[in-house]
N, C-alpha and C. Protein backbone atom coordinates (compact mmCIF):
# COMPACT_ATOMS: atom_id res chain seq x y z
N UNK A 1 15.38 -4.97 26.00
CA UNK A 1 15.41 -5.20 27.80
C UNK A 1 14.90 -6.55 27.98
N UNK A 2 15.82 -7.52 28.83
CA UNK A 2 15.60 -8.59 29.11
C UNK A 2 14.33 -8.71 30.23
N UNK A 3 13.43 -9.65 30.02
CA UNK A 3 12.35 -9.94 31.09
C UNK A 3 12.87 -10.32 32.24
N UNK A 4 12.26 -9.61 33.37
CA UNK A 4 12.72 -10.05 34.89
C UNK A 4 12.27 -11.54 34.96
N UNK A 5 13.30 -12.04 35.80
CA UNK A 5 12.86 -13.54 36.10
C UNK A 5 11.65 -13.45 37.24
N UNK A 6 10.79 -14.37 37.09
CA UNK A 6 9.57 -14.53 37.98
C UNK A 6 9.72 -15.57 38.73
N UNK A 7 9.65 -15.40 40.09
CA UNK A 7 9.70 -16.62 41.06
C UNK A 7 8.44 -16.36 42.05
N UNK A 8 8.05 -17.63 42.13
CA UNK A 8 6.92 -17.75 43.33
C UNK A 8 7.46 -18.16 44.65
N UNK A 9 6.89 -17.58 45.59
CA UNK A 9 7.41 -17.82 47.07
C UNK A 9 6.01 -18.76 47.66
N UNK A 10 6.42 -20.17 47.96
CA UNK A 10 5.37 -21.04 48.60
C UNK A 10 6.01 -21.04 50.00
N UNK A 11 5.27 -20.34 51.08
CA UNK A 11 5.68 -20.55 52.30
C UNK A 11 4.87 -21.42 53.16
N UNK A 12 5.09 -21.77 54.25
CA UNK A 12 4.30 -22.47 55.09
C UNK A 12 4.86 -23.49 55.99
N UNK A 13 4.23 -23.98 57.03
CA UNK A 13 4.95 -24.93 58.04
C UNK A 13 5.52 -26.32 57.45
N UNK A 14 4.22 -26.61 56.50
CA UNK A 14 4.62 -27.94 55.81
C UNK A 14 4.52 -29.11 56.99
N UNK A 15 3.66 -29.20 57.61
CA UNK A 15 3.52 -30.17 58.88
C UNK A 15 2.47 -31.03 58.81
N UNK A 16 2.34 -32.08 57.92
CA UNK A 16 3.27 -32.20 56.82
C UNK A 16 3.05 -31.51 55.33
N UNK A 17 4.00 -31.45 54.46
CA UNK A 17 3.53 -30.96 53.19
C UNK A 17 2.71 -32.04 52.43
N UNK A 18 1.59 -31.38 51.70
CA UNK A 18 0.55 -32.35 51.05
C UNK A 18 0.17 -31.88 49.66
N UNK A 19 -0.54 -32.68 49.08
CA UNK A 19 -0.85 -32.64 47.70
C UNK A 19 -1.43 -31.19 47.22
N UNK A 20 -2.26 -30.77 48.23
CA UNK A 20 -2.80 -29.41 47.82
C UNK A 20 -1.88 -28.30 47.96
N UNK A 21 -0.86 -28.27 48.55
CA UNK A 21 0.27 -27.49 48.62
C UNK A 21 0.94 -27.61 47.04
N UNK A 22 1.31 -28.59 46.60
CA UNK A 22 1.71 -28.84 45.53
C UNK A 22 0.91 -28.46 44.17
N UNK A 23 -0.36 -28.82 44.39
CA UNK A 23 -1.36 -28.41 43.19
C UNK A 23 -1.37 -26.88 43.22
N UNK A 24 -1.65 -26.21 44.49
CA UNK A 24 -1.42 -24.78 44.44
C UNK A 24 -0.27 -24.22 43.82
N UNK A 25 0.85 -24.81 44.31
CA UNK A 25 1.83 -24.22 43.78
C UNK A 25 2.20 -24.23 42.13
N UNK A 26 1.60 -25.49 41.46
CA UNK A 26 1.70 -25.56 40.10
C UNK A 26 0.81 -24.80 39.34
N UNK A 27 -0.30 -24.66 39.94
CA UNK A 27 -1.39 -23.92 39.16
C UNK A 27 -1.01 -22.38 39.36
N UNK A 28 -0.31 -21.82 40.18
CA UNK A 28 0.22 -20.35 40.22
C UNK A 28 1.40 -20.59 39.37
N UNK A 29 2.32 -21.41 39.32
CA UNK A 29 3.23 -21.43 38.24
C UNK A 29 2.92 -21.22 36.90
N UNK A 30 1.92 -22.00 36.50
CA UNK A 30 1.55 -22.03 35.06
C UNK A 30 0.66 -20.80 34.81
N UNK A 31 -0.30 -20.33 35.82
CA UNK A 31 -1.02 -19.28 35.59
C UNK A 31 -0.42 -18.03 35.28
N UNK A 32 0.57 -17.87 36.34
CA UNK A 32 1.37 -16.44 36.47
C UNK A 32 2.82 -16.57 35.51
N UNK A 33 2.87 -17.44 34.85
CA UNK A 33 4.16 -17.88 33.92
C UNK A 33 5.37 -17.64 34.75
N UNK A 34 5.30 -18.42 35.86
CA UNK A 34 6.69 -18.34 36.73
C UNK A 34 7.93 -19.08 36.49
N UNK A 35 8.92 -18.80 36.65
CA UNK A 35 10.07 -19.57 36.16
C UNK A 35 10.57 -20.30 37.16
N UNK A 36 9.94 -20.30 38.47
CA UNK A 36 10.29 -21.32 39.60
C UNK A 36 9.48 -20.88 40.74
N UNK A 37 9.12 -21.99 41.55
CA UNK A 37 8.44 -21.60 42.71
C UNK A 37 9.42 -22.05 44.07
N UNK A 38 9.60 -21.21 44.74
CA UNK A 38 10.56 -21.54 45.97
C UNK A 38 9.78 -21.92 47.12
N UNK A 39 9.87 -23.21 47.50
CA UNK A 39 9.38 -23.64 48.77
C UNK A 39 10.07 -23.26 49.94
N UNK A 40 9.43 -22.64 50.87
CA UNK A 40 10.20 -22.00 52.17
C UNK A 40 9.44 -22.64 53.47
N UNK A 41 9.93 -23.61 54.07
CA UNK A 41 9.18 -24.16 55.15
C UNK A 41 9.60 -23.05 56.57
N UNK A 42 8.67 -22.88 57.31
CA UNK A 42 8.63 -21.84 58.19
C UNK A 42 9.63 -22.04 59.30
N UNK A 43 10.13 -21.21 60.09
CA UNK A 43 10.99 -21.45 61.10
C UNK A 43 9.96 -21.52 62.31
N UNK A 44 10.25 -20.65 63.43
CA UNK A 44 9.50 -20.35 64.50
C UNK A 44 8.33 -19.52 64.10
N UNK A 45 7.10 -20.16 63.89
CA UNK A 45 5.86 -19.59 63.47
C UNK A 45 5.29 -18.79 64.66
N UNK A 46 5.20 -17.51 64.51
CA UNK A 46 4.46 -16.70 65.78
C UNK A 46 2.95 -17.05 65.64
N UNK A 47 2.23 -17.78 64.60
CA UNK A 47 0.90 -17.90 64.58
C UNK A 47 0.41 -19.08 64.92
N UNK A 48 1.47 -20.33 65.22
CA UNK A 48 0.98 -21.46 65.56
C UNK A 48 1.76 -22.05 66.66
N UNK A 49 1.24 -22.80 67.48
CA UNK A 49 1.77 -23.41 68.61
C UNK A 49 3.24 -24.27 68.39
N UNK A 50 4.08 -23.93 68.92
CA UNK A 50 5.30 -24.78 68.44
C UNK A 50 5.37 -26.11 68.70
N UNK A 51 4.50 -26.42 69.88
CA UNK A 51 4.61 -27.84 70.20
C UNK A 51 3.64 -28.86 69.42
N UNK A 52 3.18 -28.06 68.52
CA UNK A 52 2.33 -29.01 67.42
C UNK A 52 3.16 -29.08 66.05
N UNK A 53 4.26 -28.47 66.01
CA UNK A 53 4.95 -28.27 64.67
C UNK A 53 6.40 -29.24 64.94
N UNK A 54 6.41 -30.18 63.86
CA UNK A 54 7.83 -30.84 63.83
C UNK A 54 8.95 -29.98 63.75
N UNK A 55 10.10 -30.23 63.97
CA UNK A 55 11.48 -29.72 63.90
C UNK A 55 11.59 -29.17 62.52
N UNK A 56 12.28 -28.30 62.23
CA UNK A 56 12.66 -27.71 61.02
C UNK A 56 13.49 -28.60 60.10
N UNK A 57 14.32 -29.32 60.58
CA UNK A 57 15.04 -30.04 59.58
C UNK A 57 14.17 -31.53 59.14
N UNK A 58 13.13 -31.83 59.94
CA UNK A 58 12.40 -32.87 59.39
C UNK A 58 11.45 -32.44 58.43
N UNK A 59 10.86 -31.00 58.52
CA UNK A 59 9.97 -30.49 57.70
C UNK A 59 10.62 -30.31 56.45
N UNK A 60 11.96 -29.93 56.35
CA UNK A 60 12.62 -29.52 55.24
C UNK A 60 12.94 -31.02 54.49
N UNK A 61 12.97 -31.80 55.17
CA UNK A 61 13.30 -33.27 54.47
C UNK A 61 12.26 -33.81 53.64
N UNK A 62 10.84 -33.55 54.53
CA UNK A 62 9.75 -34.01 53.77
C UNK A 62 9.33 -32.89 52.53
N UNK A 63 9.64 -31.83 52.62
CA UNK A 63 9.31 -30.81 51.53
C UNK A 63 10.33 -31.46 50.37
N UNK A 64 11.66 -31.56 50.62
CA UNK A 64 12.58 -31.93 49.62
C UNK A 64 12.07 -33.12 48.90
N UNK A 65 11.62 -34.06 49.71
CA UNK A 65 10.97 -35.37 48.92
C UNK A 65 9.98 -35.14 48.02
N UNK A 66 8.96 -33.99 48.70
CA UNK A 66 7.73 -33.87 47.75
C UNK A 66 7.81 -32.94 46.58
N UNK A 67 9.10 -32.30 46.41
CA UNK A 67 9.24 -31.58 45.10
C UNK A 67 10.32 -31.95 44.16
N UNK A 68 10.89 -32.84 44.54
CA UNK A 68 12.38 -33.31 43.92
C UNK A 68 12.04 -33.63 42.43
N UNK A 69 10.77 -34.09 42.10
CA UNK A 69 10.59 -34.63 40.76
C UNK A 69 10.07 -33.45 39.66
N UNK A 70 10.08 -32.11 40.52
CA UNK A 70 9.47 -31.16 39.68
C UNK A 70 10.75 -30.06 39.46
N UNK A 71 11.16 -29.92 38.04
CA UNK A 71 12.02 -29.18 37.97
C UNK A 71 11.80 -27.71 38.02
N UNK A 72 10.45 -27.37 38.21
CA UNK A 72 10.35 -25.87 38.48
C UNK A 72 10.02 -25.55 39.89
N UNK A 73 10.26 -26.45 40.81
CA UNK A 73 10.24 -26.31 42.19
C UNK A 73 11.72 -26.45 42.78
N UNK A 74 11.69 -25.35 43.88
CA UNK A 74 13.27 -25.37 44.57
C UNK A 74 13.02 -25.14 46.07
N UNK A 75 13.84 -25.42 46.76
CA UNK A 75 13.60 -25.35 48.29
C UNK A 75 14.51 -24.27 48.88
N UNK A 76 14.15 -23.77 49.91
CA UNK A 76 14.97 -22.70 50.65
C UNK A 76 14.91 -23.00 52.23
N UNK A 77 15.87 -22.95 52.82
CA UNK A 77 16.22 -23.35 54.20
C UNK A 77 16.03 -21.96 55.09
N UNK A 78 15.96 -21.15 54.51
CA UNK A 78 16.47 -19.61 54.96
C UNK A 78 15.36 -19.31 56.41
N UNK A 79 14.33 -19.77 56.28
CA UNK A 79 13.41 -19.50 57.51
C UNK A 79 13.82 -20.32 59.01
N UNK A 80 14.07 -21.69 58.32
CA UNK A 80 14.44 -22.49 59.66
C UNK A 80 15.68 -22.16 60.26
N UNK A 81 16.69 -21.65 59.24
CA UNK A 81 18.00 -21.20 59.60
C UNK A 81 18.14 -19.80 60.38
N UNK A 82 16.85 -19.12 60.24
CA UNK A 82 16.74 -17.83 60.67
C UNK A 82 16.63 -17.90 62.40
N UNK A 83 17.27 -17.37 63.23
CA UNK A 83 16.83 -17.22 64.70
C UNK A 83 15.72 -16.44 65.02
N UNK A 84 14.89 -16.71 65.98
CA UNK A 84 13.54 -15.97 66.45
C UNK A 84 12.31 -16.48 65.70
N UNK A 85 11.44 -15.36 65.76
CA UNK A 85 10.18 -15.70 65.24
C UNK A 85 10.13 -15.57 63.54
N UNK A 86 9.50 -16.11 62.75
CA UNK A 86 9.29 -16.02 61.47
C UNK A 86 8.27 -15.33 60.78
N UNK A 87 8.77 -14.15 60.18
CA UNK A 87 7.82 -13.20 59.49
C UNK A 87 8.14 -13.14 58.15
N UNK A 88 6.90 -13.28 57.47
CA UNK A 88 7.10 -13.11 55.71
C UNK A 88 7.64 -11.89 55.26
N UNK A 89 7.45 -10.72 56.07
CA UNK A 89 8.08 -9.39 55.60
C UNK A 89 9.71 -9.59 55.58
N UNK A 90 10.20 -10.29 56.66
CA UNK A 90 11.59 -10.46 56.66
C UNK A 90 12.24 -11.21 55.48
N UNK A 91 11.58 -12.55 55.32
CA UNK A 91 11.85 -13.15 54.12
C UNK A 91 11.84 -12.41 52.82
N UNK A 92 10.78 -11.97 52.31
CA UNK A 92 10.64 -11.06 51.28
C UNK A 92 11.89 -9.89 51.19
N UNK A 93 11.96 -9.39 52.37
CA UNK A 93 12.90 -8.27 52.45
C UNK A 93 14.43 -8.78 52.05
N UNK A 94 14.66 -9.97 52.77
CA UNK A 94 16.02 -10.53 52.39
C UNK A 94 16.21 -11.26 50.88
N UNK A 95 15.15 -11.52 50.43
CA UNK A 95 15.07 -12.05 49.16
C UNK A 95 15.42 -10.94 48.20
N UNK A 96 14.78 -9.96 48.43
CA UNK A 96 14.72 -8.86 47.57
C UNK A 96 16.19 -8.12 47.61
N UNK A 97 16.82 -8.18 48.95
CA UNK A 97 17.98 -7.63 48.99
C UNK A 97 19.18 -8.52 48.26
N UNK A 98 18.80 -10.01 48.21
CA UNK A 98 19.70 -10.60 47.46
C UNK A 98 19.86 -10.49 45.89
N UNK A 99 18.30 -10.50 45.53
CA UNK A 99 18.17 -10.44 44.22
C UNK A 99 17.04 -9.57 43.73
N UNK A 100 17.45 -8.04 43.78
CA UNK A 100 16.63 -7.07 43.38
C UNK A 100 16.11 -6.97 42.17
N UNK A 101 16.56 -7.72 41.14
CA UNK A 101 16.23 -7.68 39.71
C UNK A 101 14.95 -8.68 39.51
N UNK A 102 14.78 -9.75 40.62
CA UNK A 102 13.67 -10.64 40.42
C UNK A 102 12.48 -10.06 40.68
N UNK A 103 11.23 -10.58 40.05
CA UNK A 103 10.03 -10.25 40.54
C UNK A 103 9.36 -11.50 41.17
N UNK A 104 8.99 -11.03 42.43
CA UNK A 104 8.42 -12.03 43.32
C UNK A 104 6.90 -12.18 43.51
N UNK A 105 6.24 -13.42 43.52
CA UNK A 105 5.03 -13.52 43.68
C UNK A 105 4.80 -14.54 44.96
N UNK A 106 4.12 -13.98 46.01
CA UNK A 106 3.88 -14.72 47.12
C UNK A 106 2.58 -15.18 47.00
N UNK A 107 2.53 -16.65 47.02
CA UNK A 107 1.43 -17.68 46.87
C UNK A 107 0.97 -17.99 48.24
N UNK A 108 -0.35 -17.77 48.42
CA UNK A 108 -1.27 -17.91 49.66
C UNK A 108 -2.58 -18.34 49.44
N UNK A 109 -2.82 -19.08 50.76
CA UNK A 109 -4.32 -19.68 50.67
C UNK A 109 -5.10 -18.62 50.89
N UNK A 110 -6.58 -18.94 50.75
CA UNK A 110 -7.64 -17.98 50.69
C UNK A 110 -7.78 -17.53 52.37
N UNK A 111 -7.69 -18.40 53.15
CA UNK A 111 -7.92 -18.37 54.49
C UNK A 111 -6.87 -17.22 54.90
N UNK A 112 -5.48 -17.46 54.69
CA UNK A 112 -4.52 -16.50 54.97
C UNK A 112 -4.75 -15.04 54.64
N UNK A 113 -5.29 -15.01 53.08
CA UNK A 113 -5.46 -13.65 52.58
C UNK A 113 -6.67 -13.13 53.23
N UNK A 114 -7.55 -13.43 53.83
CA UNK A 114 -8.52 -13.00 54.46
C UNK A 114 -8.32 -12.14 55.90
N UNK A 115 -7.19 -12.66 56.26
CA UNK A 115 -6.59 -12.28 57.66
C UNK A 115 -5.35 -11.56 57.41
N UNK A 116 -4.87 -11.19 56.08
CA UNK A 116 -3.52 -10.73 55.72
C UNK A 116 -3.19 -9.29 56.31
N UNK A 117 -4.21 -8.79 56.81
CA UNK A 117 -3.81 -7.26 57.23
C UNK A 117 -3.65 -7.49 58.85
N UNK A 118 -3.52 -8.68 59.30
CA UNK A 118 -2.99 -8.99 60.70
C UNK A 118 -1.66 -9.48 60.56
N UNK A 119 -0.90 -9.46 59.47
CA UNK A 119 0.38 -9.89 59.42
C UNK A 119 1.30 -8.53 59.70
N UNK A 120 2.31 -8.93 60.13
CA UNK A 120 3.34 -8.16 60.45
C UNK A 120 3.90 -7.39 58.99
N UNK A 121 3.82 -6.03 59.21
CA UNK A 121 4.34 -5.17 58.06
C UNK A 121 3.67 -5.70 56.72
N UNK A 122 2.45 -5.96 56.66
CA UNK A 122 1.79 -6.50 55.51
C UNK A 122 1.91 -5.44 54.08
N UNK A 123 1.92 -4.21 54.62
CA UNK A 123 2.06 -3.18 53.68
C UNK A 123 3.29 -3.39 52.97
N UNK A 124 4.30 -3.76 53.64
CA UNK A 124 5.73 -3.94 53.05
C UNK A 124 5.71 -5.15 52.19
N UNK A 125 5.00 -6.13 52.56
CA UNK A 125 4.89 -7.47 51.52
C UNK A 125 4.07 -6.79 50.50
N UNK A 126 2.92 -6.11 50.34
CA UNK A 126 2.49 -5.78 49.26
C UNK A 126 3.37 -4.71 48.31
N UNK A 127 4.31 -4.04 48.97
CA UNK A 127 4.85 -3.37 48.24
C UNK A 127 6.11 -3.89 47.41
N UNK A 128 6.55 -5.27 47.87
CA UNK A 128 7.77 -5.74 47.36
C UNK A 128 7.46 -7.05 46.57
N UNK A 129 6.26 -7.46 46.37
CA UNK A 129 5.99 -8.65 45.80
C UNK A 129 4.43 -8.62 45.09
N UNK A 130 4.15 -9.43 44.25
CA UNK A 130 2.80 -9.65 43.96
C UNK A 130 2.25 -10.85 44.72
N UNK A 131 0.79 -10.56 45.21
CA UNK A 131 0.14 -11.68 45.84
C UNK A 131 -0.39 -12.56 44.90
N UNK A 132 -0.71 -13.76 45.00
CA UNK A 132 -1.11 -14.65 44.20
C UNK A 132 -2.16 -15.54 45.27
N UNK A 133 -3.46 -15.54 45.18
CA UNK A 133 -4.27 -15.95 46.07
C UNK A 133 -5.00 -17.26 45.61
N UNK A 134 -5.00 -18.40 46.28
CA UNK A 134 -5.90 -19.44 45.90
C UNK A 134 -7.43 -19.27 45.90
N UNK A 135 -8.06 -19.78 45.10
CA UNK A 135 -9.51 -19.67 45.27
C UNK A 135 -10.28 -20.94 45.15
N UNK A 136 -11.28 -21.06 45.88
CA UNK A 136 -11.92 -22.45 46.13
C UNK A 136 -13.13 -22.80 45.37
N UNK A 137 -13.93 -21.85 45.52
CA UNK A 137 -15.27 -21.77 44.70
C UNK A 137 -15.81 -20.45 44.50
N UNK A 138 -17.03 -20.61 43.86
CA UNK A 138 -17.47 -19.30 43.28
C UNK A 138 -17.71 -18.27 44.31
N UNK A 139 -18.24 -18.61 45.71
CA UNK A 139 -18.55 -17.53 46.77
C UNK A 139 -17.21 -17.21 47.30
N UNK A 140 -16.25 -18.05 47.53
CA UNK A 140 -15.07 -17.76 47.72
C UNK A 140 -14.36 -16.59 46.79
N UNK A 141 -14.18 -16.70 45.46
CA UNK A 141 -13.76 -16.09 44.81
C UNK A 141 -14.23 -14.73 44.75
N UNK A 142 -15.65 -14.50 44.83
CA UNK A 142 -16.44 -13.29 44.94
C UNK A 142 -15.70 -12.30 45.91
N UNK A 143 -15.71 -13.08 47.37
CA UNK A 143 -15.22 -12.39 48.40
C UNK A 143 -13.60 -12.07 48.14
N UNK A 144 -13.00 -12.87 47.75
CA UNK A 144 -11.51 -12.74 47.52
C UNK A 144 -11.41 -11.45 46.63
N UNK A 145 -11.94 -11.39 45.34
CA UNK A 145 -11.89 -10.17 44.37
C UNK A 145 -12.21 -8.95 45.16
N UNK A 146 -13.41 -8.93 45.92
CA UNK A 146 -13.67 -7.67 46.52
C UNK A 146 -12.58 -7.36 47.65
N UNK A 147 -11.95 -8.25 48.30
CA UNK A 147 -10.96 -7.80 49.20
C UNK A 147 -9.66 -7.26 48.51
N UNK A 148 -9.44 -8.02 47.56
CA UNK A 148 -8.34 -7.81 46.52
C UNK A 148 -8.26 -6.32 46.07
N UNK A 149 -9.65 -5.97 45.68
CA UNK A 149 -9.81 -4.80 44.97
C UNK A 149 -9.62 -3.51 46.09
N UNK A 150 -10.11 -4.04 47.32
CA UNK A 150 -9.77 -2.95 48.53
C UNK A 150 -8.46 -2.59 48.42
N UNK A 151 -7.77 -3.81 48.65
CA UNK A 151 -6.31 -3.68 49.16
C UNK A 151 -5.33 -3.12 47.85
N UNK A 152 -5.92 -3.49 46.72
CA UNK A 152 -5.25 -2.61 45.51
C UNK A 152 -5.35 -1.21 45.45
N UNK A 153 -6.50 -0.85 45.77
CA UNK A 153 -6.80 0.67 45.70
C UNK A 153 -6.15 1.40 47.24
N UNK A 154 -6.02 0.69 48.04
CA UNK A 154 -5.59 1.23 49.17
C UNK A 154 -3.98 1.33 49.27
N UNK A 155 -3.42 0.33 48.66
CA UNK A 155 -2.09 0.18 48.83
C UNK A 155 -1.28 0.29 47.24
N UNK A 156 -2.05 0.43 46.12
CA UNK A 156 -1.57 0.35 44.95
C UNK A 156 -0.99 -1.02 44.80
N UNK A 157 -1.26 -2.02 45.24
CA UNK A 157 -0.80 -3.28 45.36
C UNK A 157 -1.14 -4.01 43.97
N UNK A 158 -0.44 -5.04 43.61
CA UNK A 158 -0.87 -6.21 42.65
C UNK A 158 -1.26 -7.40 43.33
N UNK A 159 -2.53 -7.93 43.12
CA UNK A 159 -2.94 -9.08 43.38
C UNK A 159 -3.72 -9.80 42.61
N UNK A 160 -3.19 -11.12 42.38
CA UNK A 160 -3.99 -12.25 41.56
C UNK A 160 -4.77 -13.18 42.23
N UNK A 161 -5.93 -13.26 41.77
CA UNK A 161 -6.90 -14.33 42.28
C UNK A 161 -6.80 -15.46 41.15
N UNK A 162 -6.47 -16.73 41.67
CA UNK A 162 -6.28 -17.67 40.98
C UNK A 162 -7.71 -18.16 40.43
N UNK A 163 -7.96 -18.90 39.13
CA UNK A 163 -9.07 -19.57 39.02
C UNK A 163 -9.66 -20.45 39.99
N UNK A 164 -10.81 -20.87 40.09
CA UNK A 164 -11.41 -21.77 41.20
C UNK A 164 -10.91 -23.22 40.92
N UNK A 165 -10.51 -23.53 42.20
CA UNK A 165 -10.14 -25.09 42.09
C UNK A 165 -10.23 -25.55 43.47
N UNK A 166 -10.99 -26.33 43.76
CA UNK A 166 -11.43 -26.95 45.20
C UNK A 166 -10.29 -27.77 45.47
N UNK A 167 -9.71 -27.49 46.60
CA UNK A 167 -8.59 -28.40 47.15
C UNK A 167 -8.71 -28.63 48.36
N UNK A 168 -9.62 -29.76 48.95
CA UNK A 168 -10.09 -29.99 50.35
C UNK A 168 -9.15 -30.73 51.41
N UNK A 169 -7.84 -30.05 51.31
CA UNK A 169 -6.97 -30.86 52.25
C UNK A 169 -6.28 -29.96 53.13
N UNK A 170 -5.89 -30.47 54.43
CA UNK A 170 -5.31 -29.69 55.29
C UNK A 170 -4.30 -30.55 56.19
N UNK A 171 -3.17 -29.89 56.58
CA UNK A 171 -2.03 -30.59 57.25
C UNK A 171 -2.67 -31.27 58.61
N UNK A 172 -3.52 -30.27 59.35
CA UNK A 172 -4.27 -30.73 60.49
C UNK A 172 -5.08 -32.18 60.18
N UNK A 173 -5.96 -32.19 59.06
CA UNK A 173 -6.70 -33.42 58.84
C UNK A 173 -5.66 -34.61 58.65
N UNK A 174 -4.65 -34.48 57.81
CA UNK A 174 -3.71 -35.58 57.80
C UNK A 174 -2.98 -35.98 58.99
N UNK A 175 -2.59 -34.91 59.84
CA UNK A 175 -1.91 -35.34 61.02
C UNK A 175 -3.06 -36.16 62.06
N UNK A 176 -4.13 -35.93 61.85
CA UNK A 176 -5.30 -36.32 62.73
C UNK A 176 -5.54 -37.96 62.09
N UNK A 177 -5.60 -38.11 60.98
CA UNK A 177 -5.83 -39.42 60.20
C UNK A 177 -4.57 -40.20 60.42
N UNK A 178 -3.37 -39.73 60.66
CA UNK A 178 -2.25 -40.56 61.06
C UNK A 178 -2.32 -41.06 62.40
N UNK A 179 -2.59 -40.30 63.34
CA UNK A 179 -2.75 -40.46 64.55
C UNK A 179 -3.94 -41.67 64.75
N UNK A 180 -5.03 -41.32 64.14
CA UNK A 180 -5.92 -42.43 64.19
C UNK A 180 -5.59 -43.73 63.35
N UNK A 181 -4.69 -43.88 62.73
CA UNK A 181 -4.48 -45.08 61.93
C UNK A 181 -5.23 -45.16 60.82
N UNK A 182 -5.51 -44.08 60.29
CA UNK A 182 -6.37 -44.05 58.96
C UNK A 182 -5.62 -43.65 57.60
N UNK A 183 -5.97 -44.03 56.65
CA UNK A 183 -4.99 -43.79 55.64
C UNK A 183 -4.99 -42.47 54.95
N UNK A 184 -3.94 -42.02 54.55
CA UNK A 184 -3.70 -40.52 54.00
C UNK A 184 -2.97 -40.73 52.63
N UNK A 185 -3.31 -42.19 52.03
CA UNK A 185 -2.87 -42.34 50.79
C UNK A 185 -3.33 -41.27 49.68
N UNK A 186 -2.62 -40.71 48.85
CA UNK A 186 -3.19 -39.89 47.66
C UNK A 186 -3.30 -38.51 48.14
N UNK A 187 -3.30 -38.22 49.77
CA UNK A 187 -3.34 -36.90 50.13
C UNK A 187 -2.01 -36.33 50.28
N UNK A 188 -0.97 -36.92 50.42
CA UNK A 188 0.34 -36.84 50.49
C UNK A 188 1.30 -37.47 49.36
N UNK A 189 2.39 -36.85 48.91
CA UNK A 189 3.23 -37.82 48.07
C UNK A 189 3.72 -38.92 48.55
N UNK A 190 3.75 -40.10 47.84
CA UNK A 190 4.08 -41.28 48.25
C UNK A 190 5.53 -41.41 49.09
N UNK A 191 6.44 -40.56 48.56
CA UNK A 191 7.89 -40.41 49.27
C UNK A 191 7.59 -39.90 50.60
N UNK A 192 6.76 -38.75 50.67
CA UNK A 192 6.47 -38.27 51.97
C UNK A 192 5.90 -39.29 53.04
N UNK A 193 4.87 -39.97 52.65
CA UNK A 193 4.25 -41.13 53.36
C UNK A 193 5.34 -41.98 53.75
N UNK A 194 6.20 -42.69 52.85
CA UNK A 194 7.24 -43.54 53.24
C UNK A 194 8.38 -43.03 54.41
N UNK A 195 8.60 -41.70 54.31
CA UNK A 195 9.37 -40.95 55.21
C UNK A 195 8.57 -40.82 56.66
N UNK A 196 7.40 -40.66 56.58
CA UNK A 196 6.92 -40.32 57.87
C UNK A 196 6.52 -41.82 58.53
N UNK A 197 6.16 -42.90 57.64
CA UNK A 197 6.10 -44.16 58.41
C UNK A 197 7.37 -44.79 58.90
N UNK A 198 8.65 -44.55 58.24
CA UNK A 198 10.05 -44.89 58.38
C UNK A 198 10.35 -44.30 59.67
N UNK A 199 9.94 -42.87 60.05
CA UNK A 199 10.30 -42.14 60.89
C UNK A 199 9.28 -42.23 62.28
N UNK A 200 8.15 -42.71 61.99
CA UNK A 200 7.14 -43.13 63.02
C UNK A 200 6.70 -41.38 63.46
N UNK A 201 6.28 -40.66 62.31
CA UNK A 201 6.05 -39.18 62.64
C UNK A 201 4.50 -39.21 62.79
N UNK A 202 4.00 -38.28 63.63
CA UNK A 202 2.51 -37.86 63.99
C UNK A 202 1.79 -39.06 64.69
N UNK A 203 2.47 -40.19 64.61
CA UNK A 203 1.83 -41.22 65.33
C UNK A 203 1.76 -41.13 67.06
N UNK A 204 0.58 -41.62 67.44
CA UNK A 204 0.47 -41.74 69.07
C UNK A 204 1.61 -42.70 69.32
N UNK A 205 2.38 -42.35 70.40
CA UNK A 205 3.46 -43.31 70.94
C UNK A 205 2.83 -43.92 72.07
């Protein structure tokens, strides 16, 4: 019997995408033996103010530039193309409907995991994919594993906590540095930085 294809889902606003996103995706791909990681820029996020987020087309362009050199990374525009608010449960339901034989792994940061039970239909997400959670330090890992154990017991879910890797980067910090005229070199891929500079994104006008 052929082994199921294993695909990671890397969602986010990617406003902008940065090296932390790429390192987490590559760590998850290697640790979980994934065949591919699918980057899905969010559409209309119900969790973040829309006036702080660049349009979907621009974020898709930056994401495409960031991942184009990795043959294991792919891009989906499904959330940007979807009308209305973006919900992860809808995305995973759609992916499972299109490819029921694929095993999906949803990659997420530690902060998001700690509030995961506030997400819409989070139990449906647990039923349809394996969660892969970023871990940043020893204290973080201990708390993550405790929460993961509780969710696994409560929902018979499968959750993987990645080995500790400190990645202290955020899109908010990068946007603020750009607005203040500070360097973001090495924080984001060179191609993304060139795109931001060319299009004068995030700068105070």
